[in-house]
Amino acid sequence: MSLATLFRPDNKPTLWQIADAPVPYPVALEQMKAQVAEMATNGAQERAWLLEHPPLYTAGTSAKTDDLTDPYFLPVFDAGRGGQYTYHGPGQRVVYFMLDLRERGRDVRAFVRAMESLVIDTLAQFNIEGYQVDGRVGVWVKRKDKGLGREDKIAAIGVRVSRWISFHGISINLNPDLDNYKGIVPCGITDQGVTSFEDLGQLVSMPELDSALKIAFERHFGPVETAR
């Protein structure tokens, strides 16, 4: 288990909220921005928002035009987060973290590493060995079944920080349609692939994944309060 943690000194819980229907990307983006503003100015409660999106691509601030190989395959949205192009869609768990880094060390690099550690610990609960790769953001797994040295990405990470409040977050591939990645070069990586729980032979439900995420979040970021 990775030991990367970012606890609040006051141990205040983060609101843990699960959307019950796919959320359009522009709606999610506006809600995140509103939450960040409330946290920065009024001290609103931190929030972890678990959801799915309809099929779409998002472009981060480092996205390269040539990496959008089919601009007409799916809708494309500017995300304003760090990173390059990625896919979101049904069967993928997206978690947006709106956390107050003023209370968690003011270290964006440590925050990203803690999110990677959270994902690695989540995967470990299903006997999937994920790991970090120096120089790459996200979580990877070895694919011995696809040749020596083959690594596939199972989770992407992209964040933005405004006034030391984070938003955006992680996406973990549970059982999405991996063919939908064909319109982009995911995260600018051309020499490796993309995988999912299902692709690895792990049949896991979304509620099971959410429960594992909650355990890992509390291990790395502290307690949560489940939204009603």
Protein backbone atom coordinates (compact mmCIF):
# COMPACT_ATOMS: atom_id res chain seq x y z
CA MET A 1 0.00 0.00 0.00
CA SER A 2 1.31 3.44 -0.88
CA LEU A 3 1.71 5.83 2.02
CA ALA A 4 1.01 9.05 0.10
CA THR A 5 -1.57 10.89 2.21
CA LEU A 6 -2.99 14.40 2.38
CA PHE A 7 -5.06 14.60 5.55
CA ARG A 8 -6.61 17.78 6.87
CA PRO A 9 -5.28 18.75 10.32
CA ASP A 10 -8.85 19.36 11.56
CA ASN A 11 -10.11 16.01 10.18
CA LYS A 12 -13.25 17.57 8.71
CA PRO A 13 -15.10 15.09 6.45
CA THR A 14 -15.36 15.41 2.68
CA LEU A 15 -18.84 15.17 1.18
CA TRP A 16 -19.04 11.88 -0.78
CA GLN A 17 -21.64 12.23 -3.53
CA ILE A 18 -22.62 9.70 -6.22
CA ALA A 19 -24.62 10.86 -9.24
CA ASP A 20 -27.50 8.54 -10.13
CA ALA A 21 -27.51 9.37 -13.87
CA PRO A 22 -24.88 10.37 -16.48
CA VAL A 23 -23.93 14.04 -16.16
CA PRO A 24 -23.34 16.15 -19.32
CA TYR A 25 -19.81 17.50 -19.31
CA PRO A 26 -20.72 21.21 -19.44
CA VAL A 27 -23.03 20.74 -16.45
CA ALA A 28 -20.29 19.03 -14.45
CA LEU A 29 -17.78 21.75 -15.34
CA GLU A 30 -20.10 24.55 -14.22
CA GLN A 31 -20.93 22.76 -10.97
CA MET A 32 -17.26 22.24 -10.21
CA LYS A 33 -16.47 25.90 -10.84
CA ALA A 34 -19.34 26.98 -8.59
CA GLN A 35 -18.18 24.62 -5.84
CA VAL A 36 -14.61 25.92 -6.06
CA ALA A 37 -15.83 29.52 -5.75
CA GLU A 38 -17.94 28.64 -2.68
CA MET A 39 -15.05 26.86 -1.05
CA ALA A 40 -12.58 29.66 -1.73
CA THR A 41 -14.80 32.48 -0.53
CA ASN A 42 -17.24 30.93 1.95
CA GLY A 43 -15.44 27.86 3.26
CA ALA A 44 -17.93 25.39 1.77
CA GLN A 45 -17.43 21.70 2.54
CA GLU A 46 -15.00 19.73 0.40
CA ARG A 47 -16.59 17.36 -2.09
CA ALA A 48 -15.79 14.13 -3.92
CA TRP A 49 -18.25 13.71 -6.78
CA LEU A 50 -18.55 10.27 -8.40
CA LEU A 51 -20.27 10.14 -11.79
CA GLU A 52 -20.35 8.93 -15.36
CA HIS A 53 -20.46 11.05 -18.51
CA PRO A 54 -22.07 10.39 -21.89
CA PRO A 55 -19.46 9.37 -24.49
CA LEU A 56 -17.14 12.33 -25.18
CA TYR A 57 -13.55 13.55 -25.34
CA THR A 58 -12.01 16.27 -23.22
CA ALA A 59 -8.94 18.31 -24.06
CA GLY A 60 -6.54 19.42 -21.35
CA THR A 61 -4.26 22.42 -21.49
CA SER A 62 -1.45 20.34 -23.04
CA ALA A 63 -3.62 18.75 -25.75
CA LYS A 64 -1.98 18.59 -29.19
CA THR A 65 -4.09 19.04 -32.32
CA ASP A 66 -2.61 15.98 -33.99
CA ASP A 67 -3.72 13.79 -31.07
CA LEU A 68 -7.37 14.35 -31.99
CA THR A 69 -7.27 11.82 -34.79
CA ASP A 70 -11.03 11.88 -35.52
CA PRO A 71 -12.61 15.19 -34.45
CA TYR A 72 -16.04 14.06 -35.65
CA PHE A 73 -16.25 10.71 -33.85
CA LEU A 74 -17.45 12.07 -30.49
CA PRO A 75 -18.13 15.54 -29.00
CA VAL A 76 -14.99 17.32 -27.81
CA PHE A 77 -14.88 19.71 -24.83
CA ASP A 78 -12.16 21.99 -23.53
CA ALA A 79 -11.66 20.92 -19.93
CA GLY A 80 -9.27 23.56 -18.60
CA ARG A 81 -7.46 20.87 -16.58
CA GLY A 82 -3.89 19.72 -16.95
CA GLY A 83 -3.08 16.93 -19.37
CA GLN A 84 -3.98 16.06 -22.93
CA TYR A 85 -6.92 14.31 -24.60
CA THR A 86 -8.91 11.67 -22.78
CA TYR A 87 -12.17 9.78 -23.20
CA HIS A 88 -15.12 9.71 -20.81
CA GLY A 89 -18.20 7.54 -21.12
CA PRO A 90 -20.49 4.91 -19.62
CA GLY A 91 -18.69 2.19 -17.69
CA GLN A 92 -15.98 4.57 -16.55
CA ARG A 93 -16.01 5.92 -13.02
CA VAL A 94 -15.07 9.59 -12.91
CA VAL A 95 -14.31 11.14 -9.53
CA TYR A 96 -14.01 14.91 -9.29
CA PHE A 97 -12.15 16.06 -6.19
CA MET A 98 -12.91 19.57 -4.94
CA LEU A 99 -10.46 19.71 -2.06
CA ASP A 100 -8.94 22.62 -0.16
CA LEU A 101 -5.19 22.30 -0.60
CA ARG A 102 -4.69 25.18 1.82
CA GLU A 103 -5.59 22.56 4.43
CA ARG A 104 -3.70 19.75 2.71
CA GLY A 105 -0.15 21.01 2.25
CA ARG A 106 -0.29 23.39 -0.75
CA ASP A 107 1.67 20.88 -2.86
CA VAL A 108 0.09 20.05 -6.22
CA ARG A 109 2.64 17.37 -7.06
CA ALA A 110 1.99 15.60 -3.74
CA PHE A 111 -1.75 15.88 -4.42
CA VAL A 112 -1.39 14.16 -7.80
CA ARG A 113 0.75 11.41 -6.29
CA ALA A 114 -1.81 10.88 -3.54
CA MET A 115 -4.56 10.48 -6.16
CA GLU A 116 -2.43 7.92 -7.99
CA SER A 117 -1.89 6.11 -4.69
CA LEU A 118 -5.65 6.16 -4.05
CA VAL A 119 -6.23 4.46 -7.41
CA ILE A 120 -3.48 1.90 -6.81
CA ASP A 121 -5.01 0.97 -3.45
CA THR A 122 -8.45 0.75 -5.05
CA LEU A 123 -7.18 -1.66 -7.71
CA ALA A 124 -5.39 -3.75 -5.08
CA GLN A 125 -8.73 -4.51 -3.44
CA PHE A 126 -9.57 -6.45 -6.63
CA ASN A 127 -6.12 -8.07 -6.96
CA ILE A 128 -5.09 -5.76 -9.80
CA GLU A 129 -1.52 -4.52 -9.48
CA GLY A 130 -1.40 -0.91 -10.60
CA TYR A 131 1.67 1.31 -10.46
CA GLN A 132 3.01 4.78 -11.18
CA VAL A 133 5.47 5.52 -13.99
CA ASP A 134 8.04 8.30 -13.67
CA GLY A 135 7.31 11.05 -16.17
CA ARG A 136 3.72 9.93 -16.76
CA VAL A 137 0.59 10.86 -14.86
CA GLY A 138 -1.95 8.12 -14.20
CA VAL A 139 -1.96 4.47 -13.17
CA TRP A 140 -0.70 1.57 -15.29
CA VAL A 141 -0.80 -2.24 -15.32
CA LYS A 142 1.56 -4.72 -16.96
CA ARG A 143 0.08 -6.81 -19.79
CA LYS A 144 2.07 -10.02 -19.94
CA ASP A 145 -0.62 -11.40 -22.24
CA LYS A 146 0.17 -8.73 -24.87
CA GLY A 147 3.93 -9.01 -25.11
CA LEU A 148 7.06 -8.21 -23.19
CA GLY A 149 7.16 -4.67 -21.85
CA ARG A 150 3.54 -3.88 -22.70
CA GLU A 151 1.89 -1.47 -20.25
CA ASP A 152 -1.74 -0.34 -20.39
CA LYS A 153 -3.29 2.66 -18.69
CA ILE A 154 -6.30 1.87 -16.52
CA ALA A 155 -6.78 5.26 -14.84
CA ALA A 156 -6.22 8.82 -16.02
CA ILE A 157 -5.63 11.85 -13.81
CA GLY A 158 -6.08 15.50 -14.69
CA VAL A 159 -6.42 18.35 -12.23
CA ARG A 160 -6.71 22.09 -12.02
CA VAL A 161 -6.10 24.23 -8.95
CA SER A 162 -7.68 27.65 -8.43
CA ARG A 163 -6.85 29.65 -5.30
CA TRP A 164 -5.52 26.38 -3.85
CA ILE A 165 -8.86 24.61 -4.43
CA SER A 166 -8.64 21.53 -6.64
CA PHE A 167 -11.13 20.35 -9.22
CA HIS A 168 -11.32 17.71 -11.95
CA GLY A 169 -9.74 14.44 -10.80
CA ILE A 170 -9.52 10.82 -11.90
CA SER A 171 -11.21 8.40 -14.28
CA ILE A 172 -11.01 4.62 -13.83
CA ASN A 173 -11.98 2.25 -16.60
CA LEU A 174 -14.39 -0.33 -15.24
CA ASN A 175 -16.11 -1.63 -18.37
CA PRO A 176 -16.29 1.18 -20.95
CA ASP A 177 -16.28 0.60 -24.71
CA LEU A 178 -12.53 0.80 -25.30
CA ASP A 179 -13.13 1.24 -29.05
CA ASN A 180 -14.23 4.78 -28.23
CA TYR A 181 -10.60 5.69 -27.59
CA LYS A 182 -9.91 5.35 -31.32
CA GLY A 183 -10.63 9.02 -32.05
CA ILE A 184 -7.74 10.28 -29.90
CA VAL A 185 -4.20 9.51 -28.83
CA PRO A 186 -5.04 9.00 -25.13
CA CYS A 187 -2.93 11.29 -22.95
CA GLY A 188 -0.45 11.60 -25.84
CA ILE A 189 0.83 8.04 -25.30
CA THR A 190 1.47 6.21 -28.59
CA ASP A 191 3.62 3.25 -27.50
CA GLN A 192 1.28 1.67 -24.91
CA GLY A 193 -2.43 0.90 -24.61
CA VAL A 194 -5.58 1.45 -22.59
CA THR A 195 -7.33 -1.20 -20.53
CA SER A 196 -10.18 -1.72 -18.07
CA PHE A 197 -11.28 -4.04 -15.27
CA GLU A 198 -13.33 -6.00 -17.80
CA ASP A 199 -10.46 -6.17 -20.29
CA LEU A 200 -8.31 -7.64 -17.50
CA GLY A 201 -10.95 -10.29 -16.77
CA GLN A 202 -12.26 -8.65 -13.58
CA LEU A 203 -16.07 -8.53 -13.48
CA VAL A 204 -16.79 -5.83 -10.90
CA SER A 205 -19.93 -3.74 -10.46
CA MET A 206 -19.87 0.04 -10.20
CA PRO A 207 -21.14 -0.02 -6.57
CA GLU A 208 -18.32 -2.42 -5.68
CA LEU A 209 -15.80 -0.08 -7.27
CA ASP A 210 -17.32 2.89 -5.45
CA SER A 211 -17.02 1.10 -2.11
CA ALA A 212 -13.36 0.37 -2.78
CA LEU A 213 -12.76 3.98 -3.81
CA LYS A 214 -14.30 5.19 -0.57
CA ILE A 215 -12.04 2.96 1.52
CA ALA A 216 -8.97 4.16 -0.39
CA PHE A 217 -10.02 7.82 -0.18
CA GLU A 218 -10.36 7.63 3.59
CA ARG A 219 -6.94 5.99 3.76
CA HIS A 220 -5.26 8.79 1.83
CA PHE A 221 -7.39 11.89 2.36
CA GLY A 222 -9.38 11.33 5.55
CA PRO A 223 -13.03 10.78 6.52
CA VAL A 224 -16.05 11.26 4.31
CA GLU A 225 -19.68 12.15 4.88
CA THR A 226 -22.06 10.41 2.51
CA ALA A 227 -24.45 12.79 0.74
CA ARG A 228 -28.14 12.12 1.22
